[in-house]
Amino acid sequence: MVRWIWLRLCLGSAPTQQHPLDTSALLLYAYYMDIIYTLKELNWAADEVARQGGDAHAVVDFLNAWTRAKRNCGWSWGFDLEETIQQINMDAAPALGGGWYRHTPVIFANGNKGAPAMEIPRLMRNLCESGLFGTDLEAFVIEFLKIHPFIDGNGRTAAILLNHGIDHLRDNFVSLPNTPEGWLTHA
């Protein structure tokens, strides 16, 4: 616990223009948490959080969620997809009760609305049972973002879901899909 508090204090220092967090601080985080990240993963995490308006602490939360996704070997062996998504969101956005479905309406920057709050449990269950996760991951993520089930961290959760099966040594991570509506960038 002391290491975690010390690390949180260090993370607020030395931000760069490109990233909300200095890469050396991310490497220090990985070292103290006994986790190995590639520089590509660290840059992807910092870029994704910065693109979605998060701060330095959100990068650490994003990396915790990414670690959960990478360590979850049972993605295709009858695991509970809905519960796993909730756990990833809980890690990605812990400050506002991550992992719990929202109970309020949401309106995107361009005026589009997320699913009605009362419909979220049914819509998420149907989405997770649809088979899209295993057959068309991009379509799954688009539907997830349209539902917008969580209070916070929907975009970060979607980015992790979209990249969960990607070899972490590859050159580029997949960005969230952009649709003609253009509102997915505001998730």
N, C-alpha and C. Protein backbone atom coordinates (compact mmCIF):
# COMPACT_ATOMS: atom_id res chain seq x y z
N MET A 1 0.81 -1.19 0.00
CA MET A 1 0.00 0.00 0.00
C MET A 1 0.87 1.26 0.00
N VAL A 2 1.95 1.24 0.73
CA VAL A 2 2.83 2.41 0.76
C VAL A 2 3.39 2.68 -0.63
N ARG A 3 3.80 1.61 -1.35
CA ARG A 3 4.31 1.79 -2.71
C ARG A 3 3.26 2.44 -3.59
N TRP A 4 2.01 2.02 -3.45
CA TRP A 4 0.93 2.56 -4.26
C TRP A 4 0.73 4.05 -4.00
N ILE A 5 0.72 4.44 -2.73
CA ILE A 5 0.55 5.85 -2.38
C ILE A 5 1.74 6.66 -2.91
N TRP A 6 2.96 6.14 -2.73
CA TRP A 6 4.15 6.83 -3.21
C TRP A 6 4.09 6.99 -4.72
N LEU A 7 3.66 5.93 -5.40
CA LEU A 7 3.57 5.96 -6.85
C LEU A 7 2.53 6.99 -7.30
N ARG A 8 1.39 7.03 -6.65
CA ARG A 8 0.36 8.00 -7.00
C ARG A 8 0.89 9.43 -6.85
N LEU A 9 1.70 9.68 -5.85
CA LEU A 9 2.29 11.00 -5.66
C LEU A 9 3.27 11.33 -6.78
N CYS A 10 4.02 10.34 -7.22
CA CYS A 10 5.01 10.55 -8.28
C CYS A 10 4.36 10.78 -9.64
N LEU A 11 3.19 10.22 -9.84
CA LEU A 11 2.57 10.26 -11.16
C LEU A 11 2.14 11.66 -11.58
N GLY A 12 1.88 12.50 -10.64
CA GLY A 12 1.46 13.85 -10.97
C GLY A 12 2.59 14.71 -11.49
N SER A 13 3.82 14.24 -11.41
CA SER A 13 4.96 15.07 -11.81
C SER A 13 5.42 14.74 -13.22
N ALA A 14 6.07 15.71 -13.81
CA ALA A 14 6.77 15.58 -15.09
C ALA A 14 5.90 15.14 -16.26
N PRO A 15 4.71 15.74 -16.47
CA PRO A 15 3.96 15.37 -17.66
C PRO A 15 4.62 15.94 -18.91
N THR A 16 4.41 15.30 -20.04
CA THR A 16 4.94 15.79 -21.30
C THR A 16 3.79 16.45 -22.06
N GLN A 17 4.09 17.14 -23.16
CA GLN A 17 3.03 17.75 -23.95
C GLN A 17 2.17 16.68 -24.61
N GLN A 18 2.80 15.61 -25.06
CA GLN A 18 2.07 14.59 -25.79
C GLN A 18 1.25 13.70 -24.86
N HIS A 19 1.80 13.37 -23.70
CA HIS A 19 1.14 12.45 -22.78
C HIS A 19 0.89 13.11 -21.44
N PRO A 20 -0.19 12.72 -20.77
CA PRO A 20 -0.46 13.29 -19.46
C PRO A 20 0.49 12.73 -18.40
N LEU A 21 1.33 11.80 -18.79
CA LEU A 21 2.19 11.14 -17.83
C LEU A 21 3.54 10.86 -18.47
N ASP A 22 4.59 11.12 -17.77
CA ASP A 22 5.94 10.85 -18.24
C ASP A 22 6.12 9.34 -18.37
N THR A 23 6.70 8.89 -19.48
CA THR A 23 6.92 7.46 -19.71
C THR A 23 7.75 6.85 -18.60
N SER A 24 8.72 7.58 -18.07
CA SER A 24 9.55 7.02 -17.00
C SER A 24 8.70 6.73 -15.77
N ALA A 25 7.69 7.54 -15.50
CA ALA A 25 6.81 7.27 -14.37
C ALA A 25 5.99 6.01 -14.63
N LEU A 26 5.57 5.79 -15.89
CA LEU A 26 4.85 4.57 -16.22
C LEU A 26 5.73 3.34 -16.06
N LEU A 27 6.98 3.46 -16.49
CA LEU A 27 7.90 2.33 -16.33
C LEU A 27 8.13 2.04 -14.85
N LEU A 28 8.23 3.10 -14.05
CA LEU A 28 8.39 2.94 -12.61
C LEU A 28 7.17 2.24 -12.02
N TYR A 29 5.99 2.63 -12.46
CA TYR A 29 4.75 1.98 -12.02
C TYR A 29 4.80 0.49 -12.34
N ALA A 30 5.14 0.15 -13.57
CA ALA A 30 5.20 -1.25 -13.98
C ALA A 30 6.21 -2.02 -13.15
N TYR A 31 7.35 -1.41 -12.88
CA TYR A 31 8.39 -2.07 -12.09
C TYR A 31 7.88 -2.39 -10.68
N TYR A 32 7.27 -1.41 -10.04
CA TYR A 32 6.82 -1.61 -8.67
C TYR A 32 5.60 -2.52 -8.57
N MET A 33 4.85 -2.63 -9.62
CA MET A 33 3.69 -3.51 -9.61
C MET A 33 4.04 -4.90 -10.18
N ASP A 34 5.31 -5.11 -10.49
CA ASP A 34 5.78 -6.39 -11.04
C ASP A 34 5.02 -6.78 -12.31
N ILE A 35 4.81 -5.81 -13.17
CA ILE A 35 4.13 -6.02 -14.44
C ILE A 35 5.07 -5.58 -15.54
N ILE A 36 5.07 -6.32 -16.63
CA ILE A 36 5.91 -5.95 -17.77
C ILE A 36 5.03 -5.38 -18.86
N TYR A 37 5.29 -4.12 -19.22
CA TYR A 37 4.61 -3.47 -20.33
C TYR A 37 5.67 -3.12 -21.37
N THR A 38 5.26 -3.18 -22.62
CA THR A 38 6.13 -2.69 -23.66
C THR A 38 5.97 -1.18 -23.73
N LEU A 39 6.94 -0.52 -24.33
CA LEU A 39 6.84 0.92 -24.52
C LEU A 39 5.63 1.25 -25.39
N LYS A 40 5.32 0.38 -26.34
CA LYS A 40 4.14 0.58 -27.20
C LYS A 40 2.86 0.55 -26.37
N GLU A 41 2.79 -0.38 -25.42
CA GLU A 41 1.61 -0.44 -24.56
C GLU A 41 1.48 0.83 -23.71
N LEU A 42 2.58 1.27 -23.17
CA LEU A 42 2.57 2.47 -22.33
C LEU A 42 2.15 3.69 -23.13
N ASN A 43 2.70 3.82 -24.32
CA ASN A 43 2.32 4.95 -25.18
C ASN A 43 0.86 4.88 -25.59
N TRP A 44 0.39 3.67 -25.92
CA TRP A 44 -1.01 3.48 -26.29
C TRP A 44 -1.91 3.88 -25.13
N ALA A 45 -1.59 3.43 -23.92
CA ALA A 45 -2.39 3.76 -22.74
C ALA A 45 -2.44 5.27 -22.53
N ALA A 46 -1.28 5.92 -22.59
CA ALA A 46 -1.23 7.37 -22.38
C ALA A 46 -1.99 8.10 -23.48
N ASP A 47 -1.83 7.67 -24.73
CA ASP A 47 -2.54 8.30 -25.85
C ASP A 47 -4.05 8.14 -25.72
N GLU A 48 -4.49 6.92 -25.39
CA GLU A 48 -5.92 6.63 -25.29
C GLU A 48 -6.56 7.46 -24.18
N VAL A 49 -5.91 7.51 -23.03
CA VAL A 49 -6.46 8.29 -21.92
C VAL A 49 -6.45 9.79 -22.24
N ALA A 50 -5.37 10.26 -22.84
CA ALA A 50 -5.29 11.69 -23.20
C ALA A 50 -6.37 12.04 -24.23
N ARG A 51 -6.58 11.16 -25.21
CA ARG A 51 -7.59 11.40 -26.24
C ARG A 51 -8.99 11.52 -25.64
N GLN A 52 -9.20 10.80 -24.54
CA GLN A 52 -10.51 10.81 -23.89
C GLN A 52 -10.58 11.80 -22.73
N GLY A 53 -9.54 12.61 -22.58
CA GLY A 53 -9.58 13.68 -21.58
C GLY A 53 -9.24 13.27 -20.17
N GLY A 54 -8.60 12.11 -19.99
CA GLY A 54 -8.24 11.65 -18.65
C GLY A 54 -6.93 12.26 -18.18
N ASP A 55 -6.67 12.15 -16.88
CA ASP A 55 -5.44 12.68 -16.31
C ASP A 55 -4.43 11.54 -16.09
N ALA A 56 -3.32 11.89 -15.46
CA ALA A 56 -2.24 10.93 -15.25
C ALA A 56 -2.69 9.71 -14.45
N HIS A 57 -3.54 9.93 -13.47
CA HIS A 57 -4.01 8.80 -12.66
C HIS A 57 -4.90 7.86 -13.46
N ALA A 58 -5.59 8.40 -14.45
CA ALA A 58 -6.43 7.57 -15.30
C ALA A 58 -5.59 6.61 -16.14
N VAL A 59 -4.34 6.99 -16.44
CA VAL A 59 -3.45 6.09 -17.18
C VAL A 59 -3.15 4.85 -16.34
N VAL A 60 -2.89 5.05 -15.07
CA VAL A 60 -2.62 3.91 -14.17
C VAL A 60 -3.85 3.02 -14.10
N ASP A 61 -5.03 3.61 -13.96
CA ASP A 61 -6.26 2.82 -13.92
C ASP A 61 -6.46 2.06 -15.23
N PHE A 62 -6.17 2.72 -16.35
CA PHE A 62 -6.28 2.09 -17.67
C PHE A 62 -5.34 0.88 -17.76
N LEU A 63 -4.11 1.07 -17.29
CA LEU A 63 -3.14 -0.04 -17.31
C LEU A 63 -3.58 -1.19 -16.41
N ASN A 64 -4.19 -0.88 -15.27
CA ASN A 64 -4.72 -1.95 -14.41
C ASN A 64 -5.79 -2.74 -15.14
N ALA A 65 -6.67 -2.04 -15.85
CA ALA A 65 -7.72 -2.70 -16.61
C ALA A 65 -7.13 -3.51 -17.77
N TRP A 66 -6.13 -2.95 -18.43
CA TRP A 66 -5.46 -3.66 -19.53
C TRP A 66 -4.79 -4.94 -19.02
N THR A 67 -4.19 -4.86 -17.84
CA THR A 67 -3.56 -6.03 -17.24
C THR A 67 -4.60 -7.10 -16.96
N ARG A 68 -5.76 -6.71 -16.45
CA ARG A 68 -6.83 -7.69 -16.20
C ARG A 68 -7.24 -8.36 -17.51
N ALA A 69 -7.39 -7.57 -18.56
CA ALA A 69 -7.80 -8.13 -19.85
C ALA A 69 -6.74 -9.09 -20.40
N LYS A 70 -5.47 -8.70 -20.28
CA LYS A 70 -4.40 -9.56 -20.80
C LYS A 70 -4.28 -10.86 -20.01
N ARG A 71 -4.54 -10.79 -18.73
CA ARG A 71 -4.40 -11.99 -17.88
C ARG A 71 -5.62 -12.89 -17.93
N ASN A 72 -6.70 -12.42 -18.49
CA ASN A 72 -7.92 -13.21 -18.54
C ASN A 72 -7.83 -14.19 -19.70
N CYS A 73 -7.37 -15.38 -19.40
CA CYS A 73 -7.15 -16.40 -20.44
C CYS A 73 -8.44 -17.03 -20.92
N GLY A 74 -9.54 -16.87 -20.17
CA GLY A 74 -10.77 -17.57 -20.50
C GLY A 74 -11.72 -16.82 -21.39
N TRP A 75 -11.20 -15.86 -22.17
CA TRP A 75 -12.09 -15.07 -23.03
C TRP A 75 -13.01 -15.93 -23.87
N SER A 76 -12.54 -17.07 -24.33
CA SER A 76 -13.37 -17.84 -25.26
C SER A 76 -13.83 -19.17 -24.69
N TRP A 77 -13.67 -19.40 -23.40
CA TRP A 77 -14.01 -20.70 -22.83
C TRP A 77 -15.18 -20.63 -21.87
N GLY A 78 -16.27 -20.03 -22.30
CA GLY A 78 -17.47 -20.01 -21.50
C GLY A 78 -17.44 -19.07 -20.31
N PHE A 79 -16.60 -18.06 -20.35
CA PHE A 79 -16.55 -17.09 -19.26
C PHE A 79 -17.78 -16.19 -19.31
N ASP A 80 -18.01 -15.45 -18.27
CA ASP A 80 -19.13 -14.51 -18.22
C ASP A 80 -18.64 -13.18 -18.79
N LEU A 81 -18.93 -12.92 -20.05
CA LEU A 81 -18.45 -11.73 -20.74
C LEU A 81 -18.95 -10.46 -20.06
N GLU A 82 -20.21 -10.43 -19.70
CA GLU A 82 -20.76 -9.23 -19.08
C GLU A 82 -20.04 -8.91 -17.77
N GLU A 83 -19.80 -9.91 -16.96
CA GLU A 83 -19.09 -9.71 -15.69
C GLU A 83 -17.65 -9.26 -15.93
N THR A 84 -17.00 -9.83 -16.93
CA THR A 84 -15.62 -9.43 -17.25
C THR A 84 -15.57 -7.97 -17.69
N ILE A 85 -16.52 -7.54 -18.50
CA ILE A 85 -16.58 -6.14 -18.93
C ILE A 85 -16.78 -5.23 -17.73
N GLN A 86 -17.63 -5.63 -16.81
CA GLN A 86 -17.85 -4.84 -15.60
C GLN A 86 -16.55 -4.74 -14.78
N GLN A 87 -15.81 -5.83 -14.68
CA GLN A 87 -14.55 -5.82 -13.93
C GLN A 87 -13.52 -4.93 -14.61
N ILE A 88 -13.45 -4.99 -15.93
CA ILE A 88 -12.52 -4.13 -16.66
C ILE A 88 -12.88 -2.67 -16.43
N ASN A 89 -14.16 -2.35 -16.49
CA ASN A 89 -14.58 -0.97 -16.25
C ASN A 89 -14.29 -0.55 -14.81
N MET A 90 -14.45 -1.47 -13.87
CA MET A 90 -14.17 -1.18 -12.48
C MET A 90 -12.70 -0.77 -12.31
N ASP A 91 -11.81 -1.43 -13.03
CA ASP A 91 -10.39 -1.08 -12.99
C ASP A 91 -10.11 0.21 -13.75
N ALA A 92 -10.78 0.38 -14.89
CA ALA A 92 -10.50 1.54 -15.75
C ALA A 92 -11.05 2.84 -15.19
N ALA A 93 -12.12 2.78 -14.41
CA ALA A 93 -12.75 4.00 -13.89
C ALA A 93 -13.21 3.80 -12.45
N PRO A 94 -12.28 3.57 -11.53
CA PRO A 94 -12.69 3.26 -10.16
C PRO A 94 -13.26 4.45 -9.37
N ALA A 95 -12.94 5.65 -9.76
CA ALA A 95 -13.32 6.82 -8.96
C ALA A 95 -14.83 7.02 -8.86
N LEU A 96 -15.56 6.73 -9.91
CA LEU A 96 -17.00 6.97 -9.91
C LEU A 96 -17.80 5.67 -9.84
N GLY A 97 -17.32 4.73 -9.08
CA GLY A 97 -18.07 3.49 -8.94
C GLY A 97 -18.05 2.66 -10.20
N GLY A 98 -16.88 2.53 -10.80
CA GLY A 98 -16.75 1.75 -12.03
C GLY A 98 -17.30 0.35 -11.87
N GLY A 99 -17.79 -0.19 -12.97
CA GLY A 99 -18.33 -1.54 -12.97
C GLY A 99 -19.83 -1.60 -12.75
N TRP A 100 -20.42 -0.52 -12.27
CA TRP A 100 -21.86 -0.48 -12.04
C TRP A 100 -22.53 0.26 -13.20
N TYR A 101 -23.65 -0.25 -13.63
CA TYR A 101 -24.37 0.40 -14.70
C TYR A 101 -24.92 1.74 -14.23
N ARG A 102 -24.97 2.68 -15.16
CA ARG A 102 -25.45 4.03 -14.80
C ARG A 102 -26.96 4.00 -14.60
N HIS A 103 -27.43 4.97 -13.84
CA HIS A 103 -28.86 5.11 -13.57
C HIS A 103 -29.39 6.45 -14.06
N THR A 104 -28.58 7.12 -14.85
CA THR A 104 -28.94 8.44 -15.34
C THR A 104 -28.86 8.45 -16.87
N PRO A 105 -29.55 9.39 -17.49
CA PRO A 105 -29.43 9.49 -18.95
C PRO A 105 -28.06 10.04 -19.34
N VAL A 106 -27.65 9.77 -20.57
CA VAL A 106 -26.40 10.32 -21.09
C VAL A 106 -26.68 10.88 -22.48
N ILE A 107 -26.14 12.08 -22.72
CA ILE A 107 -26.27 12.72 -24.03
C ILE A 107 -24.85 13.04 -24.50
N PHE A 108 -24.52 12.63 -25.72
CA PHE A 108 -23.19 12.86 -26.26
C PHE A 108 -23.05 14.29 -26.75
N ALA A 109 -21.84 14.69 -27.01
CA ALA A 109 -21.54 16.07 -27.40
C ALA A 109 -22.32 16.51 -28.64
N ASN A 110 -22.64 15.57 -29.54
CA ASN A 110 -23.36 15.95 -30.75
C ASN A 110 -24.87 15.82 -30.60
N GLY A 111 -25.36 15.49 -29.39
CA GLY A 111 -26.79 15.40 -29.15
C GLY A 111 -27.35 13.99 -29.15
N ASN A 112 -26.59 13.00 -29.63
CA ASN A 112 -27.06 11.61 -29.58
C ASN A 112 -27.19 11.17 -28.13
N LYS A 113 -28.08 10.21 -27.90
CA LYS A 113 -28.31 9.72 -26.54
C LYS A 113 -27.86 8.27 -26.41
N GLY A 114 -27.34 7.93 -25.23
CA GLY A 114 -27.06 6.54 -24.91
C GLY A 114 -28.37 5.82 -24.63
N ALA A 115 -28.30 4.53 -24.45
CA ALA A 115 -29.51 3.76 -24.16
C ALA A 115 -30.15 4.23 -22.86
N PRO A 116 -31.47 4.12 -22.76
CA PRO A 116 -32.13 4.47 -21.50
C PRO A 116 -31.56 3.62 -20.36
N ALA A 117 -31.34 4.24 -19.22
CA ALA A 117 -30.69 3.56 -18.09
C ALA A 117 -31.41 2.27 -17.69
N MET A 118 -32.73 2.26 -17.72
CA MET A 118 -33.48 1.07 -17.31
C MET A 118 -33.30 -0.10 -18.27
N GLU A 119 -32.87 0.19 -19.50
CA GLU A 119 -32.70 -0.85 -20.51
C GLU A 119 -31.30 -1.46 -20.51
N ILE A 120 -30.37 -0.84 -19.80
CA ILE A 120 -28.96 -1.25 -19.87
C ILE A 120 -28.74 -2.72 -19.51
N PRO A 121 -29.25 -3.22 -18.39
CA PRO A 121 -28.98 -4.64 -18.07
C PRO A 121 -29.44 -5.60 -19.18
N ARG A 122 -30.63 -5.36 -19.71
CA ARG A 122 -31.14 -6.23 -20.78
C ARG A 122 -30.30 -6.09 -22.05
N LEU A 123 -29.98 -4.84 -22.43
CA LEU A 123 -29.20 -4.62 -23.65
C LEU A 123 -27.80 -5.22 -23.53
N MET A 124 -27.17 -5.07 -22.38
CA MET A 124 -25.83 -5.64 -22.20
C MET A 124 -25.87 -7.16 -22.22
N ARG A 125 -26.86 -7.75 -21.56
CA ARG A 125 -26.99 -9.21 -21.57
C ARG A 125 -27.18 -9.70 -23.01
N ASN A 126 -28.07 -9.03 -23.77
CA ASN A 126 -28.31 -9.42 -25.16
C ASN A 126 -27.05 -9.26 -26.01
N LEU A 127 -26.33 -8.16 -25.81
CA LEU A 127 -25.11 -7.93 -26.57
C LEU A 127 -24.07 -9.01 -26.27
N CYS A 128 -23.90 -9.32 -25.00
CA CYS A 128 -22.89 -10.31 -24.61
C CYS A 128 -23.25 -11.72 -25.07
N GLU A 129 -24.54 -11.97 -25.23
CA GLU A 129 -24.99 -13.29 -25.70
C GLU A 129 -25.12 -13.36 -27.22
N SER A 130 -24.91 -12.23 -27.91
CA SER A 130 -25.13 -12.15 -29.36
C SER A 130 -24.09 -12.90 -30.18
N GLY A 131 -22.93 -13.14 -29.62
CA GLY A 131 -21.86 -13.78 -30.38
C GLY A 131 -20.96 -12.81 -31.12
N LEU A 132 -21.31 -11.52 -31.12
CA LEU A 132 -20.50 -10.53 -31.82
C LEU A 132 -19.09 -10.43 -31.27
N PHE A 133 -18.93 -10.65 -29.98
CA PHE A 133 -17.61 -10.52 -29.37
C PHE A 133 -16.61 -11.48 -30.02
N GLY A 134 -17.07 -12.65 -30.39
CA GLY A 134 -16.18 -13.63 -31.00
C GLY A 134 -16.14 -13.58 -32.51
N THR A 135 -17.11 -12.90 -33.13
CA THR A 135 -17.18 -12.90 -34.60
C THR A 135 -16.89 -11.55 -35.24
N ASP A 136 -17.29 -10.46 -34.59
CA ASP A 136 -17.09 -9.12 -35.15
C ASP A 136 -16.86 -8.16 -33.99
N LEU A 137 -15.63 -8.12 -33.51
CA LEU A 137 -15.30 -7.35 -32.32
C LEU A 137 -15.58 -5.86 -32.50
N GLU A 138 -15.32 -5.33 -33.70
CA GLU A 138 -15.59 -3.91 -33.93
C GLU A 138 -17.08 -3.61 -33.80
N ALA A 139 -17.92 -4.45 -34.37
CA ALA A 139 -19.37 -4.26 -34.25
C ALA A 139 -19.80 -4.37 -32.78
N PHE A 140 -19.19 -5.30 -32.05
CA PHE A 140 -19.49 -5.44 -30.62
C PHE A 140 -19.18 -4.14 -29.88
N VAL A 141 -18.01 -3.58 -30.16
CA VAL A 141 -17.58 -2.35 -29.47
C VAL A 141 -18.49 -1.17 -29.85
N ILE A 142 -18.89 -1.08 -31.11
CA ILE A 142 -19.80 -0.01 -31.52
C ILE A 142 -21.12 -0.12 -30.76
N GLU A 143 -21.66 -1.33 -30.67
CA GLU A 143 -22.92 -1.52 -29.93
C GLU A 143 -22.73 -1.21 -28.45
N PHE A 144 -21.60 -1.62 -27.88
CA PHE A 144 -21.28 -1.32 -26.49
C PHE A 144 -21.29 0.20 -26.26
N LEU A 145 -20.64 0.93 -27.16
CA LEU A 145 -20.58 2.38 -27.00
C LEU A 145 -21.94 3.04 -27.21
N LYS A 146 -22.77 2.47 -28.06
CA LYS A 146 -24.12 3.01 -28.23
C LYS A 146 -24.94 2.84 -26.95
N ILE A 147 -24.77 1.72 -26.29
CA ILE A 147 -25.46 1.49 -25.02
C ILE A 147 -24.89 2.43 -23.95
N HIS A 148 -23.59 2.59 -23.95
CA HIS A 148 -22.90 3.46 -22.99
C HIS A 148 -23.32 3.12 -21.56
N PRO A 149 -23.01 1.89 -21.12
CA PRO A 149 -23.61 1.38 -19.88
C PRO A 149 -23.10 1.98 -18.57
N PHE A 150 -21.87 2.51 -18.56
CA PHE A 150 -21.27 2.91 -17.30
C PHE A 150 -21.28 4.42 -17.09
N ILE A 151 -21.14 4.82 -15.85
CA ILE A 151 -21.08 6.24 -15.49
C ILE A 151 -19.86 6.89 -16.12
N ASP A 152 -18.74 6.19 -16.09
CA ASP A 152 -17.47 6.72 -16.60
C ASP A 152 -16.66 5.57 -17.17
N GLY A 153 -15.75 5.88 -18.05
CA GLY A 153 -14.81 4.88 -18.55
C GLY A 153 -15.31 4.00 -19.68
N ASN A 154 -16.42 4.37 -20.32
CA ASN A 154 -16.94 3.57 -21.43
C ASN A 154 -15.95 3.51 -22.59
N GLY A 155 -15.36 4.63 -22.95
CA GLY A 155 -14.39 4.66 -24.05
C GLY A 155 -13.14 3.88 -23.73
N ARG A 156 -12.64 4.01 -22.50
CA ARG A 156 -11.44 3.25 -22.10
C ARG A 156 -11.74 1.76 -22.08
N THR A 157 -12.91 1.39 -21.57
CA THR A 157 -13.30 -0.02 -21.56
C THR A 157 -13.41 -0.54 -22.98
N ALA A 158 -14.00 0.24 -23.87
CA ALA A 158 -14.14 -0.16 -25.27
C ALA A 158 -12.78 -0.34 -25.93
N ALA A 159 -11.85 0.57 -25.67
CA ALA A 159 -10.50 0.46 -26.25
C ALA A 159 -9.81 -0.82 -25.79
N ILE A 160 -9.99 -1.16 -24.53
CA ILE A 160 -9.38 -2.39 -24.00
C ILE A 160 -10.03 -3.61 -24.63
N LEU A 161 -11.36 -3.60 -24.75
CA LEU A 161 -12.05 -4.73 -25.37
C LEU A 161 -11.60 -4.90 -26.82
N LEU A 162 -11.45 -3.81 -27.52
CA LEU A 162 -11.07 -3.87 -28.93
C LEU A 162 -9.65 -4.42 -29.11
N ASN A 163 -8.81 -4.23 -28.13
CA ASN A 163 -7.41 -4.65 -28.25
C ASN A 163 -7.06 -5.88 -27.42
N HIS A 164 -8.02 -6.47 -26.74
CA HIS A 164 -7.71 -7.55 -25.80
C HIS A 164 -7.01 -8.74 -26.43
N GLY A 165 -7.35 -9.06 -27.65
CA GLY A 165 -6.77 -10.25 -28.26
C GLY A 165 -5.53 -9.97 -29.09
N ILE A 166 -5.13 -8.71 -29.11
CA ILE A 166 -3.98 -8.33 -29.94
C ILE A 166 -2.68 -8.68 -29.23
N ASP A 167 -1.75 -9.21 -29.96
CA ASP A 167 -0.43 -9.50 -29.41
C ASP A 167 0.18 -8.19 -28.91
N HIS A 168 0.56 -8.16 -27.64
CA HIS A 168 1.05 -6.91 -27.06
C HIS A 168 2.42 -6.50 -27.58
N LEU A 169 3.01 -7.27 -28.46
CA LEU A 169 4.30 -6.89 -29.05
C LEU A 169 4.15 -6.29 -30.44
N ARG A 170 2.93 -6.16 -30.91
CA ARG A 170 2.75 -5.62 -32.26
C ARG A 170 3.03 -4.12 -32.29
N ASP A 171 3.14 -3.58 -33.49
CA ASP A 171 3.54 -2.19 -33.66
C ASP A 171 2.45 -1.18 -33.27
N ASN A 172 1.21 -1.49 -33.57
CA ASN A 172 0.15 -0.52 -33.33
C ASN A 172 -1.04 -1.19 -32.66
N PHE A 173 -1.70 -0.42 -31.84
CA PHE A 173 -2.94 -0.86 -31.24
C PHE A 173 -4.09 -0.28 -32.07
N VAL A 174 -5.23 -0.94 -32.02
CA VAL A 174 -6.39 -0.52 -32.78
C VAL A 174 -7.07 0.62 -32.04
N SER A 175 -7.41 1.67 -32.77
CA SER A 175 -8.15 2.79 -32.19
C SER A 175 -9.64 2.48 -32.24
N LEU A 176 -10.40 3.19 -31.44
CA LEU A 176 -11.84 2.99 -31.47
C LEU A 176 -12.36 3.30 -32.86
N PRO A 177 -13.33 2.52 -33.34
CA PRO A 177 -13.87 2.74 -34.68
C PRO A 177 -14.60 4.06 -34.77
N ASN A 178 -14.56 4.65 -35.94
CA ASN A 178 -15.29 5.88 -36.18
C ASN A 178 -16.42 5.56 -37.15
N THR A 179 -17.59 5.98 -36.84
CA THR A 179 -18.75 5.69 -37.70
C THR A 179 -19.21 6.99 -38.35
N PRO A 180 -20.10 6.92 -39.32
CA PRO A 180 -20.61 8.14 -39.96
C PRO A 180 -21.22 9.12 -38.95
N GLU A 181 -21.77 8.59 -37.84
CA GLU A 181 -22.35 9.49 -36.84
C GLU A 181 -21.27 10.34 -36.18
N GLY A 182 -20.05 9.83 -36.11
CA GLY A 182 -18.94 10.58 -35.55
C GLY A 182 -18.94 10.71 -34.05
N TRP A 183 -19.95 10.19 -33.37
CA TRP A 183 -20.03 10.39 -31.92
C TRP A 183 -19.20 9.41 -31.12
N LEU A 184 -18.65 8.39 -31.73
CA LEU A 184 -17.88 7.40 -30.97
C LEU A 184 -16.63 8.04 -30.37
N THR A 185 -16.14 9.11 -30.95
CA THR A 185 -14.98 9.77 -30.37
C THR A 185 -15.33 10.48 -29.07
N HIS A 186 -16.62 10.62 -28.78
CA HIS A 186 -17.05 11.28 -27.54
C HIS A 186 -17.47 10.28 -26.48
N ALA A 187 -17.22 9.01 -26.69
CA ALA A 187 -17.66 7.98 -25.73
C ALA A 187 -16.95 8.12 -24.41
